[in-house]
Amino acid sequence: VQLQASGGGLVQAGGYLRLSCAASGRAFNSYAMGWFRQAPGREREFVSAISRSGDSTNYIDSVKGRFSISKDNAKNTVYLQMNRLKPEDTAAYYCAARNTYYISSTYAPRTKSDYNSWGQGTQVTVSS
């Protein structure tokens, strides 16, 4: 599957953005999807994930209550709604995919090595 992320930009602290990740190819409903981010000089870190069914989600603690992940299998797209943004959310955001057809439908992996398809990054900059 090929992934194309979009929706990044410059926003003031307290603002919001919605990232989108469009997938090409078939059987998008077989894929768990994740969002990761990487700030300059730092490791790429997990942000959020959603199972192929959409029934299960995971979030890093620092974004719980502010970010929301969703998946539209009809549009082959996963979204990350980011509210109440903070300067520390500034990073390049990457979407990732993992085929979980033979794994639990509620599997929403949190580690980079669990994913085998990655999109290009979309930059999110939050000014204070």
N, C-alpha and C. Protein backbone atom coordinates (compact mmCIF):
# COMPACT_ATOMS: atom_id res chain seq x y z
N VAL A 1 0.84 -1.17 0.00
CA VAL A 1 0.00 0.00 0.00
C VAL A 1 0.88 1.24 0.00
N GLN A 2 0.48 2.23 -0.77
CA GLN A 2 1.20 3.51 -0.79
C GLN A 2 0.39 4.55 -0.03
N LEU A 3 1.10 5.38 0.72
CA LEU A 3 0.44 6.33 1.61
C LEU A 3 0.85 7.76 1.27
N GLN A 4 -0.12 8.66 1.34
CA GLN A 4 0.11 10.08 1.07
C GLN A 4 -0.50 10.89 2.19
N ALA A 5 0.36 11.51 2.99
CA ALA A 5 -0.11 12.32 4.11
C ALA A 5 -0.24 13.77 3.70
N SER A 6 -1.20 14.45 4.31
CA SER A 6 -1.42 15.87 4.03
C SER A 6 -2.09 16.52 5.23
N GLY A 7 -2.18 17.84 5.18
CA GLY A 7 -2.92 18.56 6.20
C GLY A 7 -2.08 19.31 7.21
N GLY A 8 -0.77 19.18 7.12
CA GLY A 8 0.09 19.90 8.05
C GLY A 8 0.08 21.40 7.79
N GLY A 9 0.67 22.15 8.70
CA GLY A 9 0.73 23.59 8.51
C GLY A 9 1.24 24.29 9.76
N LEU A 10 1.12 25.60 9.73
CA LEU A 10 1.53 26.44 10.85
C LEU A 10 0.27 26.91 11.58
N VAL A 11 0.26 26.72 12.88
CA VAL A 11 -0.90 27.08 13.67
C VAL A 11 -0.43 27.63 15.01
N GLN A 12 -1.23 28.50 15.60
CA GLN A 12 -0.89 29.02 16.92
C GLN A 12 -1.25 28.01 18.00
N ALA A 13 -0.59 28.10 19.10
CA ALA A 13 -0.90 27.24 20.24
C ALA A 13 -2.38 27.38 20.59
N GLY A 14 -3.00 26.25 20.87
CA GLY A 14 -4.43 26.23 21.15
C GLY A 14 -5.28 25.98 19.92
N GLY A 15 -4.68 26.05 18.75
CA GLY A 15 -5.40 25.83 17.51
C GLY A 15 -5.56 24.36 17.17
N TYR A 16 -6.00 24.10 15.95
CA TYR A 16 -6.25 22.73 15.56
C TYR A 16 -5.86 22.52 14.10
N LEU A 17 -5.61 21.26 13.79
CA LEU A 17 -5.35 20.81 12.43
C LEU A 17 -5.93 19.40 12.28
N ARG A 18 -6.25 19.03 11.05
CA ARG A 18 -6.63 17.65 10.78
C ARG A 18 -5.71 17.10 9.70
N LEU A 19 -4.98 16.07 10.06
CA LEU A 19 -4.12 15.40 9.11
C LEU A 19 -4.91 14.29 8.42
N SER A 20 -4.59 14.08 7.16
CA SER A 20 -5.19 12.99 6.39
C SER A 20 -4.08 12.13 5.81
N CYS A 21 -4.39 10.87 5.66
CA CYS A 21 -3.44 9.94 5.03
C CYS A 21 -4.25 9.07 4.08
N ALA A 22 -4.06 9.28 2.80
CA ALA A 22 -4.79 8.53 1.79
C ALA A 22 -3.96 7.34 1.33
N ALA A 23 -4.59 6.20 1.24
CA ALA A 23 -3.91 4.96 0.85
C ALA A 23 -4.35 4.53 -0.54
N SER A 24 -3.39 4.10 -1.32
CA SER A 24 -3.72 3.52 -2.62
C SER A 24 -3.66 2.01 -2.51
N GLY A 25 -4.28 1.33 -3.43
CA GLY A 25 -4.28 -0.12 -3.39
C GLY A 25 -5.58 -0.67 -2.83
N ARG A 26 -5.63 -1.98 -2.75
CA ARG A 26 -6.86 -2.63 -2.34
C ARG A 26 -6.83 -3.02 -0.87
N ALA A 27 -7.97 -3.40 -0.39
CA ALA A 27 -8.10 -3.99 0.94
C ALA A 27 -7.63 -3.07 2.05
N PHE A 28 -7.94 -1.79 1.94
CA PHE A 28 -7.57 -0.86 3.01
C PHE A 28 -8.18 -1.30 4.34
N ASN A 29 -9.31 -1.97 4.28
CA ASN A 29 -9.94 -2.40 5.52
C ASN A 29 -9.21 -3.55 6.19
N SER A 30 -8.14 -4.02 5.58
CA SER A 30 -7.30 -5.04 6.21
C SER A 30 -6.14 -4.44 6.99
N TYR A 31 -6.01 -3.12 6.94
CA TYR A 31 -4.84 -2.47 7.50
C TYR A 31 -5.14 -1.72 8.79
N ALA A 32 -4.30 -1.97 9.78
CA ALA A 32 -4.21 -1.07 10.92
C ALA A 32 -3.35 0.11 10.50
N MET A 33 -3.68 1.29 11.02
CA MET A 33 -2.99 2.50 10.62
C MET A 33 -2.43 3.22 11.83
N GLY A 34 -1.30 3.84 11.64
CA GLY A 34 -0.70 4.58 12.74
C GLY A 34 -0.18 5.94 12.31
N TRP A 35 -0.04 6.81 13.28
CA TRP A 35 0.61 8.11 13.09
C TRP A 35 1.81 8.19 14.02
N PHE A 36 2.92 8.63 13.48
CA PHE A 36 4.14 8.86 14.24
C PHE A 36 4.59 10.29 13.97
N ARG A 37 5.48 10.79 14.82
CA ARG A 37 6.02 12.12 14.58
C ARG A 37 7.49 12.15 14.93
N GLN A 38 8.18 13.08 14.29
CA GLN A 38 9.61 13.21 14.52
C GLN A 38 9.99 14.68 14.52
N ALA A 39 10.49 15.13 15.66
CA ALA A 39 10.99 16.49 15.78
C ALA A 39 12.48 16.49 15.48
N PRO A 40 13.05 17.63 15.07
CA PRO A 40 14.47 17.68 14.74
C PRO A 40 15.33 17.19 15.90
N GLY A 41 16.25 16.29 15.60
CA GLY A 41 17.17 15.79 16.60
C GLY A 41 16.58 14.75 17.54
N ARG A 42 15.38 14.31 17.25
CA ARG A 42 14.73 13.34 18.14
C ARG A 42 14.32 12.10 17.36
N GLU A 43 14.09 11.04 18.11
CA GLU A 43 13.64 9.80 17.50
C GLU A 43 12.18 9.95 17.03
N ARG A 44 11.84 9.17 16.01
CA ARG A 44 10.45 9.12 15.59
C ARG A 44 9.65 8.42 16.68
N GLU A 45 8.55 9.04 17.10
CA GLU A 45 7.78 8.48 18.19
C GLU A 45 6.33 8.21 17.77
N PHE A 46 5.77 7.22 18.44
CA PHE A 46 4.39 6.86 18.22
C PHE A 46 3.47 7.96 18.72
N VAL A 47 2.39 8.22 17.96
CA VAL A 47 1.39 9.19 18.38
C VAL A 47 0.04 8.50 18.59
N SER A 48 -0.41 7.76 17.59
CA SER A 48 -1.73 7.15 17.66
C SER A 48 -1.84 6.03 16.66
N ALA A 49 -2.75 5.10 16.92
CA ALA A 49 -3.00 4.00 16.00
C ALA A 49 -4.45 3.60 16.08
N ILE A 50 -4.92 3.00 14.98
CA ILE A 50 -6.29 2.51 14.92
C ILE A 50 -6.28 1.14 14.25
N SER A 51 -7.09 0.25 14.77
CA SER A 51 -7.15 -1.10 14.23
C SER A 51 -7.83 -1.11 12.87
N ARG A 52 -7.71 -2.22 12.16
CA ARG A 52 -8.31 -2.28 10.83
C ARG A 52 -9.81 -2.13 10.88
N SER A 53 -10.41 -2.57 11.96
CA SER A 53 -11.85 -2.47 12.10
C SER A 53 -12.29 -1.07 12.55
N GLY A 54 -11.33 -0.31 13.09
CA GLY A 54 -11.67 0.98 13.67
C GLY A 54 -12.19 0.91 15.08
N ASP A 55 -12.29 -0.31 15.61
CA ASP A 55 -12.88 -0.48 16.94
C ASP A 55 -11.90 -0.21 18.07
N SER A 56 -10.63 -0.25 17.76
CA SER A 56 -9.61 -0.09 18.80
C SER A 56 -8.65 1.02 18.42
N THR A 57 -8.33 1.87 19.40
CA THR A 57 -7.38 2.95 19.17
C THR A 57 -6.37 3.01 20.30
N ASN A 58 -5.20 3.58 20.00
CA ASN A 58 -4.16 3.81 20.99
C ASN A 58 -3.62 5.22 20.82
N TYR A 59 -3.19 5.81 21.93
CA TYR A 59 -2.62 7.16 21.90
C TYR A 59 -1.44 7.23 22.86
N ILE A 60 -0.47 8.04 22.48
CA ILE A 60 0.57 8.37 23.44
C ILE A 60 -0.06 9.27 24.50
N ASP A 61 0.43 9.17 25.74
CA ASP A 61 -0.22 9.88 26.84
C ASP A 61 -0.31 11.38 26.61
N SER A 62 0.70 11.96 25.99
CA SER A 62 0.73 13.41 25.86
C SER A 62 -0.34 13.98 24.91
N VAL A 63 -0.99 13.14 24.14
CA VAL A 63 -2.02 13.64 23.22
C VAL A 63 -3.42 13.15 23.58
N LYS A 64 -3.51 12.32 24.59
CA LYS A 64 -4.84 11.82 24.98
C LYS A 64 -5.75 12.99 25.38
N GLY A 65 -6.96 12.94 24.88
CA GLY A 65 -7.92 14.00 25.16
C GLY A 65 -7.81 15.18 24.20
N ARG A 66 -6.74 15.23 23.41
CA ARG A 66 -6.57 16.33 22.45
C ARG A 66 -6.62 15.84 20.99
N PHE A 67 -6.08 14.67 20.74
CA PHE A 67 -6.03 14.10 19.39
C PHE A 67 -7.04 12.97 19.27
N SER A 68 -7.53 12.81 18.05
CA SER A 68 -8.47 11.73 17.78
C SER A 68 -8.18 11.13 16.41
N ILE A 69 -8.02 9.81 16.38
CA ILE A 69 -7.75 9.12 15.12
C ILE A 69 -9.04 8.46 14.64
N SER A 70 -9.22 8.47 13.33
CA SER A 70 -10.39 7.81 12.75
C SER A 70 -10.01 7.24 11.39
N LYS A 71 -10.82 6.33 10.91
CA LYS A 71 -10.50 5.59 9.68
C LYS A 71 -11.77 5.47 8.85
N ASP A 72 -11.68 5.87 7.60
CA ASP A 72 -12.81 5.75 6.69
C ASP A 72 -12.43 4.74 5.61
N ASN A 73 -12.87 3.52 5.78
CA ASN A 73 -12.49 2.46 4.85
C ASN A 73 -13.06 2.69 3.45
N ALA A 74 -14.18 3.38 3.36
CA ALA A 74 -14.78 3.65 2.05
C ALA A 74 -13.93 4.65 1.25
N LYS A 75 -13.21 5.52 1.96
CA LYS A 75 -12.38 6.53 1.29
C LYS A 75 -10.90 6.18 1.34
N ASN A 76 -10.57 5.02 1.89
CA ASN A 76 -9.16 4.61 2.01
C ASN A 76 -8.33 5.69 2.71
N THR A 77 -8.86 6.26 3.75
CA THR A 77 -8.20 7.38 4.40
C THR A 77 -8.26 7.24 5.92
N VAL A 78 -7.16 7.63 6.55
CA VAL A 78 -7.12 7.72 8.00
C VAL A 78 -6.87 9.18 8.36
N TYR A 79 -7.48 9.62 9.44
CA TYR A 79 -7.39 11.01 9.86
C TYR A 79 -6.80 11.11 11.26
N LEU A 80 -6.17 12.23 11.52
CA LEU A 80 -5.74 12.56 12.87
C LEU A 80 -6.21 13.98 13.15
N GLN A 81 -7.25 14.08 13.96
CA GLN A 81 -7.75 15.38 14.38
C GLN A 81 -6.95 15.83 15.59
N MET A 82 -6.30 16.98 15.47
CA MET A 82 -5.42 17.47 16.53
C MET A 82 -5.99 18.79 17.05
N ASN A 83 -6.44 18.77 18.29
CA ASN A 83 -7.02 19.96 18.93
C ASN A 83 -6.11 20.45 20.05
N ARG A 84 -6.31 21.67 20.44
CA ARG A 84 -5.54 22.29 21.54
C ARG A 84 -4.04 22.02 21.35
N LEU A 85 -3.57 22.35 20.19
CA LEU A 85 -2.17 22.08 19.87
C LEU A 85 -1.23 22.87 20.75
N LYS A 86 -0.08 22.26 21.02
CA LYS A 86 0.95 22.86 21.85
C LYS A 86 2.25 22.97 21.04
N PRO A 87 3.13 23.89 21.42
CA PRO A 87 4.41 23.98 20.70
C PRO A 87 5.18 22.66 20.68
N GLU A 88 5.04 21.86 21.72
CA GLU A 88 5.76 20.58 21.75
C GLU A 88 5.18 19.55 20.79
N ASP A 89 4.06 19.86 20.15
CA ASP A 89 3.53 18.98 19.10
C ASP A 89 4.21 19.23 17.76
N THR A 90 5.04 20.24 17.69
CA THR A 90 5.74 20.55 16.45
C THR A 90 6.64 19.40 16.02
N ALA A 91 6.42 18.93 14.80
CA ALA A 91 7.17 17.79 14.28
C ALA A 91 6.70 17.50 12.86
N ALA A 92 7.45 16.65 12.19
CA ALA A 92 6.95 16.05 10.95
C ALA A 92 6.12 14.83 11.34
N TYR A 93 4.93 14.74 10.79
CA TYR A 93 4.02 13.64 11.13
C TYR A 93 3.97 12.66 9.97
N TYR A 94 4.08 11.37 10.30
CA TYR A 94 4.12 10.31 9.32
C TYR A 94 2.98 9.32 9.58
N CYS A 95 2.33 8.89 8.51
CA CYS A 95 1.36 7.81 8.66
C CYS A 95 2.02 6.49 8.24
N ALA A 96 1.50 5.41 8.78
CA ALA A 96 2.05 4.09 8.53
C ALA A 96 0.93 3.06 8.49
N ALA A 97 1.19 1.96 7.81
CA ALA A 97 0.18 0.92 7.64
C ALA A 97 0.75 -0.46 7.92
N ARG A 98 -0.12 -1.31 8.43
CA ARG A 98 0.28 -2.70 8.69
C ARG A 98 -0.91 -3.59 8.36
N ASN A 99 -0.72 -4.53 7.47
CA ASN A 99 -1.79 -5.47 7.15
C ASN A 99 -2.00 -6.42 8.32
N THR A 100 -3.18 -6.38 8.88
CA THR A 100 -3.47 -7.23 10.04
C THR A 100 -4.59 -8.21 9.74
N TYR A 101 -4.69 -8.59 8.46
CA TYR A 101 -5.78 -9.49 8.07
C TYR A 101 -5.74 -10.79 8.84
N TYR A 102 -4.52 -11.29 9.11
CA TYR A 102 -4.37 -12.56 9.80
C TYR A 102 -4.13 -12.37 11.29
N ILE A 103 -4.31 -11.15 11.75
CA ILE A 103 -4.14 -10.82 13.16
C ILE A 103 -5.48 -10.31 13.67
N SER A 104 -5.60 -10.11 14.93
CA SER A 104 -6.84 -9.63 15.51
C SER A 104 -7.31 -8.34 14.84
N SER A 105 -8.62 -8.25 14.66
CA SER A 105 -9.19 -7.04 14.04
C SER A 105 -9.08 -5.83 14.95
N THR A 106 -8.74 -6.05 16.20
CA THR A 106 -8.61 -4.94 17.15
C THR A 106 -7.15 -4.56 17.41
N TYR A 107 -6.25 -5.14 16.66
CA TYR A 107 -4.81 -4.87 16.85
C TYR A 107 -4.48 -3.50 16.31
N ALA A 108 -3.94 -2.63 17.19
CA ALA A 108 -3.57 -1.26 16.83
C ALA A 108 -2.15 -1.02 17.34
N PRO A 109 -1.15 -1.41 16.56
CA PRO A 109 0.23 -1.42 17.05
C PRO A 109 0.82 -0.05 17.36
N ARG A 110 1.75 -0.03 18.32
CA ARG A 110 2.33 1.20 18.83
C ARG A 110 3.80 1.37 18.48
N THR A 111 4.43 0.35 17.89
CA THR A 111 5.86 0.45 17.64
C THR A 111 6.16 0.54 16.15
N LYS A 112 7.26 1.25 15.83
CA LYS A 112 7.63 1.47 14.44
C LYS A 112 7.83 0.16 13.69
N SER A 113 8.43 -0.80 14.36
CA SER A 113 8.76 -2.06 13.68
C SER A 113 7.54 -2.88 13.33
N ASP A 114 6.40 -2.52 13.88
CA ASP A 114 5.16 -3.24 13.56
C ASP A 114 4.59 -2.82 12.21
N TYR A 115 5.09 -1.73 11.65
CA TYR A 115 4.54 -1.20 10.41
C TYR A 115 5.49 -1.44 9.26
N ASN A 116 4.95 -1.72 8.09
CA ASN A 116 5.81 -2.01 6.94
C ASN A 116 5.56 -1.09 5.75
N SER A 117 4.65 -0.14 5.87
CA SER A 117 4.45 0.86 4.82
C SER A 117 4.39 2.23 5.48
N TRP A 118 5.08 3.17 4.87
CA TRP A 118 5.17 4.52 5.44
C TRP A 118 4.90 5.55 4.36
N GLY A 119 4.24 6.62 4.78
CA GLY A 119 4.07 7.75 3.89
C GLY A 119 5.16 8.78 4.12
N GLN A 120 5.16 9.82 3.30
CA GLN A 120 6.09 10.91 3.52
C GLN A 120 5.56 11.77 4.66
N GLY A 121 6.37 12.56 5.26
CA GLY A 121 5.94 13.37 6.38
C GLY A 121 5.16 14.60 5.96
N THR A 122 4.34 15.09 6.87
CA THR A 122 3.69 16.38 6.70
C THR A 122 4.03 17.20 7.94
N GLN A 123 4.52 18.41 7.72
CA GLN A 123 5.05 19.22 8.81
C GLN A 123 3.95 19.94 9.57
N VAL A 124 4.01 19.82 10.88
CA VAL A 124 3.12 20.55 11.77
C VAL A 124 3.99 21.46 12.64
N THR A 125 3.71 22.75 12.60
CA THR A 125 4.45 23.73 13.39
C THR A 125 3.46 24.51 14.23
N VAL A 126 3.68 24.48 15.54
CA VAL A 126 2.79 25.17 16.47
C VAL A 126 3.58 26.30 17.11
N SER A 127 3.15 27.52 16.90
CA SER A 127 3.84 28.67 17.46
C SER A 127 3.24 29.04 18.82
N SER A 128 4.10 29.56 19.67
CA SER A 128 3.65 29.90 21.02
C SER A 128 3.14 31.33 21.09
